[in-house]
Amino acid sequence: MESAVSVSRLPATLTLAMALAASLAAPAGAGDARPAPARPEQLVIISFDGAHDNRLWERSLALGDRTGARFTYFLSCTFLMTKAHSKAYQAPGKSAGRSNVGFAPDRADVAARLGHIWAAYQAGHEIGSHGCGHFDGKDWSKAQWQTEFASFRAALGNAWADHGLAAASPAGWADFADRAVRGFRAPYLSADSGLYAALAADGFAYDASGVSRGPAAPDTGGRVARFSLPLIPEGPAGRPVIGMDYNLFARHSRAVETPDTSGDFEARALAAFRNAFEKQYQGTRIPLQLGFHFVEMNGGAYWRALERFATETCGKPEVECVSYQDAMKRLRSPDDSAS
């Protein structure tokens, strides 16, 4: 029988070569190798401005139930008032009872909306403020913005009683109206220094009125965090457009209803959402923000695109479709939480 050769008797160069080969053949992760750092979860933040049409309340809540997504609803408070109560609201620089988006048609409409707001809050969705009458406040002072915020709080807090529905008001509504609304989006995304000063003075946690060149992490350097809707590539030429349904509507048909080509607009919107998502999901995983309105534009093209996008996206591994408030909690650093 042939005897084994002692390694110690082999030439030094051959011994070194054998050691190197053994190290290269070692299984991945063996020895002192460290596991790759975990990737951050991909956040998708979907929000709705206005939050008035009760049929779309039902549709969005059903979408949340199906997909596990949690949304932010930026509510306009005049939809908690009927025309009979409209004089209670006076926007800065406007006469009493004026609103760019109108008022609720009747008490039953308000009651249904209040029920949807409460159901959304109970299910983990977020209610934010979109002001009241949807006026452009770019020239408003801090004090004028605070007047608008006060009108919102009063309309939300007193809505049940104002319409003779106090007996139906859920337990906990007063606390919800007083404490839960921590976020704001300005009508027309029109923000200025007066707004930011008022938001800080009134205890808001964040503003979502900004626009960024692409998906961007929120700016948390000040007292009020600032989120921005991103420009995303869209259409055959990939031209950037704000990731919001109205901006797609303006791009596709100059904001003129064109239902005959609704399917084409849906496909374009869905492709834009998918591409913006995949770039982050496969990349640095910056949160992706998309905005919508409680209005079906171009024959409902953008709502259908939203539903398809949320259905295929929100259940993916390492993806969370969350509200703005939830995103802030997930993005908060240990130093921030300690404060």
Protein backbone atom coordinates (compact mmCIF):
# COMPACT_ATOMS: atom_id res chain seq x y z
CA MET A 1 0.00 0.00 0.00
CA GLU A 2 1.29 3.44 -0.91
CA SER A 3 1.97 5.53 2.18
CA ALA A 4 0.61 9.11 2.57
CA VAL A 5 3.05 11.94 1.95
CA SER A 6 3.67 14.27 4.91
CA VAL A 7 2.74 17.86 4.12
CA SER A 8 5.74 19.02 6.10
CA ARG A 9 8.03 17.28 3.54
CA LEU A 10 6.51 19.09 0.48
CA PRO A 11 8.27 22.09 -1.08
CA ALA A 12 7.29 25.43 0.51
CA THR A 13 5.82 26.83 -2.73
CA LEU A 14 3.56 23.79 -3.14
CA THR A 15 2.44 24.01 0.48
CA LEU A 16 1.45 27.69 -0.04
CA ALA A 17 -0.45 26.85 -3.21
CA MET A 18 -2.42 24.11 -1.44
CA ALA A 19 -3.35 26.48 1.39
CA LEU A 20 -4.55 29.13 -1.04
CA ALA A 21 -6.65 26.60 -2.96
CA ALA A 22 -8.24 25.41 0.28
CA SER A 23 -9.18 28.94 1.27
CA LEU A 24 -10.78 29.61 -2.12
CA ALA A 25 -12.77 26.39 -1.90
CA ALA A 26 -14.19 27.24 1.57
CA PRO A 27 -17.97 27.72 1.57
CA ALA A 28 -19.33 31.27 1.48
CA GLY A 29 -19.74 32.73 4.94
CA ALA A 30 -17.15 30.40 6.49
CA GLY A 31 -14.54 31.63 8.90
CA ASP A 32 -14.69 35.33 9.77
CA ALA A 33 -16.91 36.38 6.85
CA ARG A 34 -19.66 38.80 7.95
CA PRO A 35 -23.24 38.64 6.59
CA ALA A 36 -24.21 41.36 4.17
CA PRO A 37 -26.09 44.22 5.85
CA ALA A 38 -29.86 44.00 5.62
CA ARG A 39 -31.40 46.22 2.96
CA PRO A 40 -33.93 48.81 4.14
CA GLU A 41 -37.54 48.07 3.39
CA GLN A 42 -38.99 49.85 0.38
CA LEU A 43 -41.65 52.28 1.53
CA VAL A 44 -44.47 53.34 -0.79
CA ILE A 45 -46.56 56.29 0.44
CA ILE A 46 -49.91 56.76 -1.30
CA SER A 47 -52.07 59.75 -0.45
CA PHE A 48 -55.36 61.32 -1.50
CA ASP A 49 -56.17 65.03 -1.60
CA GLY A 50 -59.69 66.31 -0.91
CA ALA A 51 -61.13 63.05 0.46
CA HIS A 52 -64.72 63.95 -0.31
CA ASP A 53 -66.51 61.59 -2.75
CA ASN A 54 -68.04 58.89 -0.56
CA ARG A 55 -67.98 56.35 -3.38
CA LEU A 56 -64.22 56.80 -3.67
CA TRP A 57 -63.87 56.55 0.10
CA GLU A 58 -65.42 53.10 -0.18
CA ARG A 59 -63.26 52.18 -3.14
CA SER A 60 -60.00 53.27 -1.49
CA LEU A 61 -60.80 51.56 1.81
CA ALA A 62 -61.57 48.35 -0.08
CA LEU A 63 -58.21 48.67 -1.86
CA GLY A 64 -56.47 49.04 1.49
CA ASP A 65 -58.23 45.94 2.81
CA ARG A 66 -57.24 43.88 -0.25
CA THR A 67 -53.60 44.91 -0.39
CA GLY A 68 -52.71 45.73 3.21
CA ALA A 69 -51.79 49.28 2.15
CA ARG A 70 -52.38 52.13 4.56
CA PHE A 71 -53.07 55.54 3.04
CA THR A 72 -52.98 59.19 4.05
CA TYR A 73 -56.16 61.15 3.34
CA PHE A 74 -55.60 64.92 3.16
CA LEU A 75 -59.10 66.14 3.96
CA SER A 76 -60.60 69.47 2.84
CA CYS A 77 -62.81 70.62 5.69
CA THR A 78 -65.54 72.31 3.64
CA PHE A 79 -66.73 68.79 2.81
CA LEU A 80 -67.77 68.55 6.46
CA MET A 81 -70.10 71.55 5.97
CA THR A 82 -73.29 71.94 4.01
CA LYS A 83 -74.16 75.19 2.28
CA ALA A 84 -76.36 76.03 5.25
CA HIS A 85 -73.29 76.01 7.50
CA SER A 86 -70.88 77.56 4.99
CA LYS A 87 -70.88 81.02 6.57
CA ALA A 88 -69.03 79.52 9.52
CA TYR A 89 -65.95 79.34 7.31
CA GLN A 90 -64.02 82.37 6.13
CA ALA A 91 -60.68 81.89 4.40
CA PRO A 92 -58.02 84.56 4.76
CA GLY A 93 -58.77 87.45 2.44
CA LYS A 94 -62.08 85.92 1.30
CA SER A 95 -65.69 86.57 2.16
CA ALA A 96 -67.48 84.15 4.49
CA GLY A 97 -68.96 81.06 2.88
CA ARG A 98 -66.59 80.88 -0.10
CA SER A 99 -64.78 77.72 -1.20
CA ASN A 100 -62.94 76.76 -4.38
CA VAL A 101 -64.15 73.16 -4.02
CA GLY A 102 -67.67 73.74 -2.76
CA PHE A 103 -69.40 72.17 0.24
CA ALA A 104 -71.22 68.94 1.04
CA PRO A 105 -74.63 68.69 -0.65
CA ASP A 106 -76.57 67.63 2.45
CA ARG A 107 -76.38 66.20 5.97
CA ALA A 108 -76.55 62.58 4.79
CA ASP A 109 -73.49 63.11 2.63
CA VAL A 110 -71.57 64.54 5.61
CA ALA A 111 -72.69 61.68 7.86
CA ALA A 112 -71.43 59.09 5.37
CA ARG A 113 -68.10 60.89 5.05
CA LEU A 114 -67.67 61.07 8.82
CA GLY A 115 -68.29 57.34 9.02
CA HIS A 116 -65.61 56.72 6.39
CA ILE A 117 -63.12 58.98 8.16
CA TRP A 118 -63.62 57.10 11.41
CA ALA A 119 -63.45 53.68 9.70
CA ALA A 120 -60.21 54.71 7.98
CA TYR A 121 -58.66 55.93 11.22
CA GLN A 122 -59.69 52.76 13.06
CA ALA A 123 -58.15 50.62 10.29
CA GLY A 124 -54.77 52.34 10.59
CA HIS A 125 -55.02 54.86 7.78
CA GLU A 126 -54.05 58.47 8.45
CA ILE A 127 -56.18 61.60 8.25
CA GLY A 128 -54.22 64.73 7.34
CA SER A 129 -55.26 68.29 6.62
CA HIS A 130 -55.64 69.86 3.19
CA GLY A 131 -56.97 73.07 4.69
CA CYS A 132 -60.57 73.99 4.02
CA GLY A 133 -61.56 75.88 0.89
CA HIS A 134 -58.64 74.93 -1.38
CA PHE A 135 -57.32 78.46 -1.82
CA ASP A 136 -53.79 79.27 -2.93
CA GLY A 137 -52.10 80.51 0.23
CA LYS A 138 -48.71 81.34 -1.22
CA ASP A 139 -49.00 84.92 0.05
CA TRP A 140 -50.62 84.13 3.40
CA SER A 141 -48.88 85.11 6.61
CA LYS A 142 -48.27 82.80 9.54
CA ALA A 143 -51.34 84.23 11.29
CA GLN A 144 -53.54 83.71 8.23
CA TRP A 145 -52.44 80.08 7.90
CA GLN A 146 -53.20 79.59 11.59
CA THR A 147 -56.69 80.91 10.95
CA GLU A 148 -57.14 78.28 8.24
CA PHE A 149 -55.87 75.55 10.58
CA ALA A 150 -58.27 76.69 13.29
CA SER A 151 -61.17 76.46 10.83
CA PHE A 152 -60.12 72.92 9.97
CA ARG A 153 -59.92 71.82 13.62
CA ALA A 154 -63.31 73.34 14.41
CA ALA A 155 -64.98 71.75 11.39
CA LEU A 156 -63.55 68.31 12.17
CA GLY A 157 -64.09 68.42 15.91
CA ASN A 158 -67.67 69.73 15.73
CA ALA A 159 -68.84 67.96 12.58
CA TRP A 160 -71.19 65.47 14.24
CA ALA A 161 -72.83 68.05 16.50
CA ASP A 162 -73.05 70.70 13.77
CA HIS A 163 -75.30 68.38 11.75
CA GLY A 164 -77.46 67.13 14.61
CA LEU A 165 -75.56 63.83 14.76
CA ALA A 166 -73.99 64.14 18.21
CA ALA A 167 -75.63 60.92 19.39
CA ALA A 168 -73.89 59.01 16.59
CA SER A 169 -70.44 60.46 17.29
CA PRO A 170 -67.97 57.65 18.08
CA ALA A 171 -66.32 57.54 21.48
CA GLY A 172 -62.86 58.92 20.98
CA TRP A 173 -63.75 61.30 18.15
CA ALA A 174 -62.84 64.42 20.16
CA ASP A 175 -59.40 63.02 20.98
CA PHE A 176 -58.89 61.98 17.36
CA ALA A 177 -59.85 65.43 16.06
CA ASP A 178 -57.59 67.12 18.60
CA ARG A 179 -54.50 64.92 18.36
CA ALA A 180 -54.42 62.65 15.32
CA VAL A 181 -54.08 65.17 12.48
CA ARG A 182 -50.33 65.79 12.32
CA GLY A 183 -49.70 66.22 8.61
CA PHE A 184 -50.56 68.81 5.98
CA ARG A 185 -50.50 69.24 2.23
CA ALA A 186 -51.11 72.69 0.78
CA PRO A 187 -53.63 73.18 -2.02
CA TYR A 188 -51.82 73.51 -5.36
CA LEU A 189 -48.66 72.38 -3.48
CA SER A 190 -48.25 76.09 -2.76
CA ALA A 191 -46.03 76.49 0.29
CA ASP A 192 -44.11 79.44 1.68
CA SER A 193 -42.36 80.66 4.82
CA GLY A 194 -45.65 81.73 6.41
CA LEU A 195 -46.98 78.18 6.06
CA TYR A 196 -43.91 76.57 7.61
CA ALA A 197 -43.95 78.96 10.54
CA ALA A 198 -47.64 78.25 11.15
CA LEU A 199 -47.17 74.48 10.89
CA ALA A 200 -44.44 74.60 13.53
CA ALA A 201 -46.47 76.85 15.83
CA ASP A 202 -49.54 74.61 15.54
CA GLY A 203 -47.67 71.38 16.30
CA PHE A 204 -47.76 69.68 12.91
CA ALA A 205 -45.20 66.89 12.47
CA TYR A 206 -44.76 67.17 8.71
CA ASP A 207 -45.67 68.96 5.50
CA ALA A 208 -46.11 67.05 2.22
CA SER A 209 -46.33 70.00 -0.17
CA GLY A 210 -42.88 69.78 -1.74
CA VAL A 211 -41.73 68.57 -5.15
CA SER A 212 -38.36 66.90 -5.74
CA ARG A 213 -36.45 66.01 -8.90
CA GLY A 214 -36.83 62.32 -8.09
CA PRO A 215 -37.72 60.23 -5.04
CA ALA A 216 -36.09 61.94 -2.05
CA ALA A 217 -35.81 61.19 1.63
CA PRO A 218 -37.78 63.64 3.78
CA ASP A 219 -35.98 66.66 5.17
CA THR A 220 -36.13 66.21 8.93
CA GLY A 221 -33.71 69.00 9.83
CA GLY A 222 -36.37 71.40 11.09
CA ARG A 223 -39.24 71.28 13.56
CA VAL A 224 -41.59 70.17 10.78
CA ALA A 225 -40.40 67.38 8.46
CA ARG A 226 -40.81 68.08 4.75
CA PHE A 227 -41.86 65.42 2.25
CA SER A 228 -41.85 65.95 -1.51
CA LEU A 229 -43.75 64.33 -4.35
CA PRO A 230 -41.15 63.24 -6.91
CA LEU A 231 -40.78 63.90 -10.58
CA ILE A 232 -40.94 60.50 -12.30
CA PRO A 233 -40.21 59.58 -15.94
CA GLU A 234 -43.38 59.10 -17.98
CA GLY A 235 -44.40 58.38 -21.54
CA PRO A 236 -42.43 57.27 -24.62
CA ALA A 237 -39.81 59.99 -24.12
CA GLY A 238 -39.54 59.48 -20.35
CA ARG A 239 -40.18 63.15 -19.65
CA PRO A 240 -40.42 63.89 -15.90
CA VAL A 241 -43.83 64.63 -14.38
CA ILE A 242 -44.93 65.04 -10.77
CA GLY A 243 -46.08 61.67 -9.44
CA MET A 244 -49.68 62.78 -9.02
CA ASP A 245 -52.84 62.02 -10.96
CA TYR A 246 -53.69 65.63 -11.83
CA ASN A 247 -50.27 66.21 -13.34
CA LEU A 248 -50.67 63.09 -15.46
CA PHE A 249 -54.13 64.36 -16.48
CA ALA A 250 -52.61 67.69 -17.53
CA ARG A 251 -49.80 65.94 -19.40
CA HIS A 252 -52.02 63.44 -21.20
CA SER A 253 -54.98 65.59 -22.23
CA ARG A 254 -54.27 69.15 -21.08
CA ALA A 255 -56.65 68.54 -18.17
CA VAL A 256 -59.56 67.99 -20.57
CA GLU A 257 -61.61 64.81 -20.07
CA THR A 258 -60.80 62.38 -22.89
CA PRO A 259 -62.46 59.09 -21.94
CA ASP A 260 -62.02 57.51 -25.39
CA THR A 261 -58.29 57.09 -24.69
CA SER A 262 -58.65 56.22 -21.02
CA GLY A 263 -57.06 52.80 -21.48
CA ASP A 264 -53.94 54.28 -23.06
CA PHE A 265 -53.59 56.80 -20.23
CA GLU A 266 -54.02 54.03 -17.67
CA ALA A 267 -51.23 52.00 -19.29
CA ARG A 268 -48.90 54.98 -19.38
CA ALA A 269 -49.57 55.86 -15.74
CA LEU A 270 -49.09 52.28 -14.60
CA ALA A 271 -45.81 52.01 -16.50
CA ALA A 272 -44.57 55.23 -14.89
CA PHE A 273 -45.50 53.98 -11.40
CA ARG A 274 -43.86 50.60 -12.01
CA ASN A 275 -40.65 52.09 -13.38
CA ALA A 276 -40.32 54.60 -10.54
CA PHE A 277 -40.87 51.83 -8.02
CA GLU A 278 -38.43 49.36 -9.59
CA LYS A 279 -35.66 51.94 -9.72
CA GLN A 280 -35.88 52.36 -5.94
CA TYR A 281 -36.67 48.73 -5.11
CA GLN A 282 -33.61 47.52 -7.01
CA GLY A 283 -31.53 50.49 -5.90
CA THR A 284 -31.17 52.61 -2.77
CA ARG A 285 -34.80 52.18 -1.66
CA ILE A 286 -35.71 55.79 -1.14
CA PRO A 287 -39.43 56.02 -0.22
CA LEU A 288 -41.67 56.45 -3.26
CA GLN A 289 -44.54 58.92 -2.87
CA LEU A 290 -47.56 59.02 -5.19
CA GLY A 291 -50.49 61.42 -4.89
CA PHE A 292 -54.10 61.16 -6.04
CA HIS A 293 -57.39 63.04 -5.74
CA PHE A 294 -60.91 61.89 -4.99
CA VAL A 295 -61.75 62.62 -8.62
CA GLU A 296 -61.70 60.14 -11.51
CA MET A 297 -59.86 61.91 -14.30
CA ASN A 298 -59.80 60.73 -17.91
CA GLY A 299 -62.46 58.12 -17.32
CA GLY A 300 -60.85 56.80 -14.13
CA ALA A 301 -57.52 55.98 -15.80
CA TYR A 302 -55.34 56.95 -12.85
CA TRP A 303 -57.42 55.24 -10.19
CA ARG A 304 -57.34 52.02 -12.19
CA ALA A 305 -53.57 52.36 -12.59
CA LEU A 306 -53.29 52.95 -8.83
CA GLU A 307 -55.33 49.86 -8.02
CA ARG A 308 -53.26 47.66 -10.32
CA PHE A 309 -50.00 49.11 -8.98
CA ALA A 310 -50.96 48.70 -5.31
CA THR A 311 -52.25 45.16 -5.88
CA GLU A 312 -49.02 43.97 -7.50
CA THR A 313 -46.63 46.01 -5.34
CA CYS A 314 -47.77 46.18 -1.73
CA GLY A 315 -47.39 42.44 -1.17
CA LYS A 316 -43.84 42.18 -2.50
CA PRO A 317 -41.04 41.08 -0.15
CA GLU A 318 -39.45 43.94 1.78
CA VAL A 319 -42.15 46.41 0.65
CA GLU A 320 -44.45 48.36 2.95
CA CYS A 321 -47.24 50.62 1.65
CA VAL A 322 -47.67 53.04 4.53
CA SER A 323 -49.08 56.40 5.57
CA TYR A 324 -46.89 59.43 6.04
CA GLN A 325 -47.04 59.17 9.82
CA ASP A 326 -46.02 55.52 9.71
CA ALA A 327 -43.20 56.35 7.29
CA MET A 328 -41.89 58.95 9.72
CA LYS A 329 -41.77 56.36 12.50
CA ARG A 330 -39.94 53.87 10.30
CA LEU A 331 -37.47 56.45 9.01
CA ARG A 332 -36.77 58.04 12.37
CA SER A 333 -33.21 57.58 13.59
CA PRO A 334 -32.49 56.42 17.17
CA ASP A 335 -31.40 59.96 18.01
CA ASP A 336 -34.69 61.36 16.75
CA SER A 337 -36.76 58.86 18.74
CA ALA A 338 -34.83 59.67 21.89
CA SER A 339 -35.84 63.29 21.57
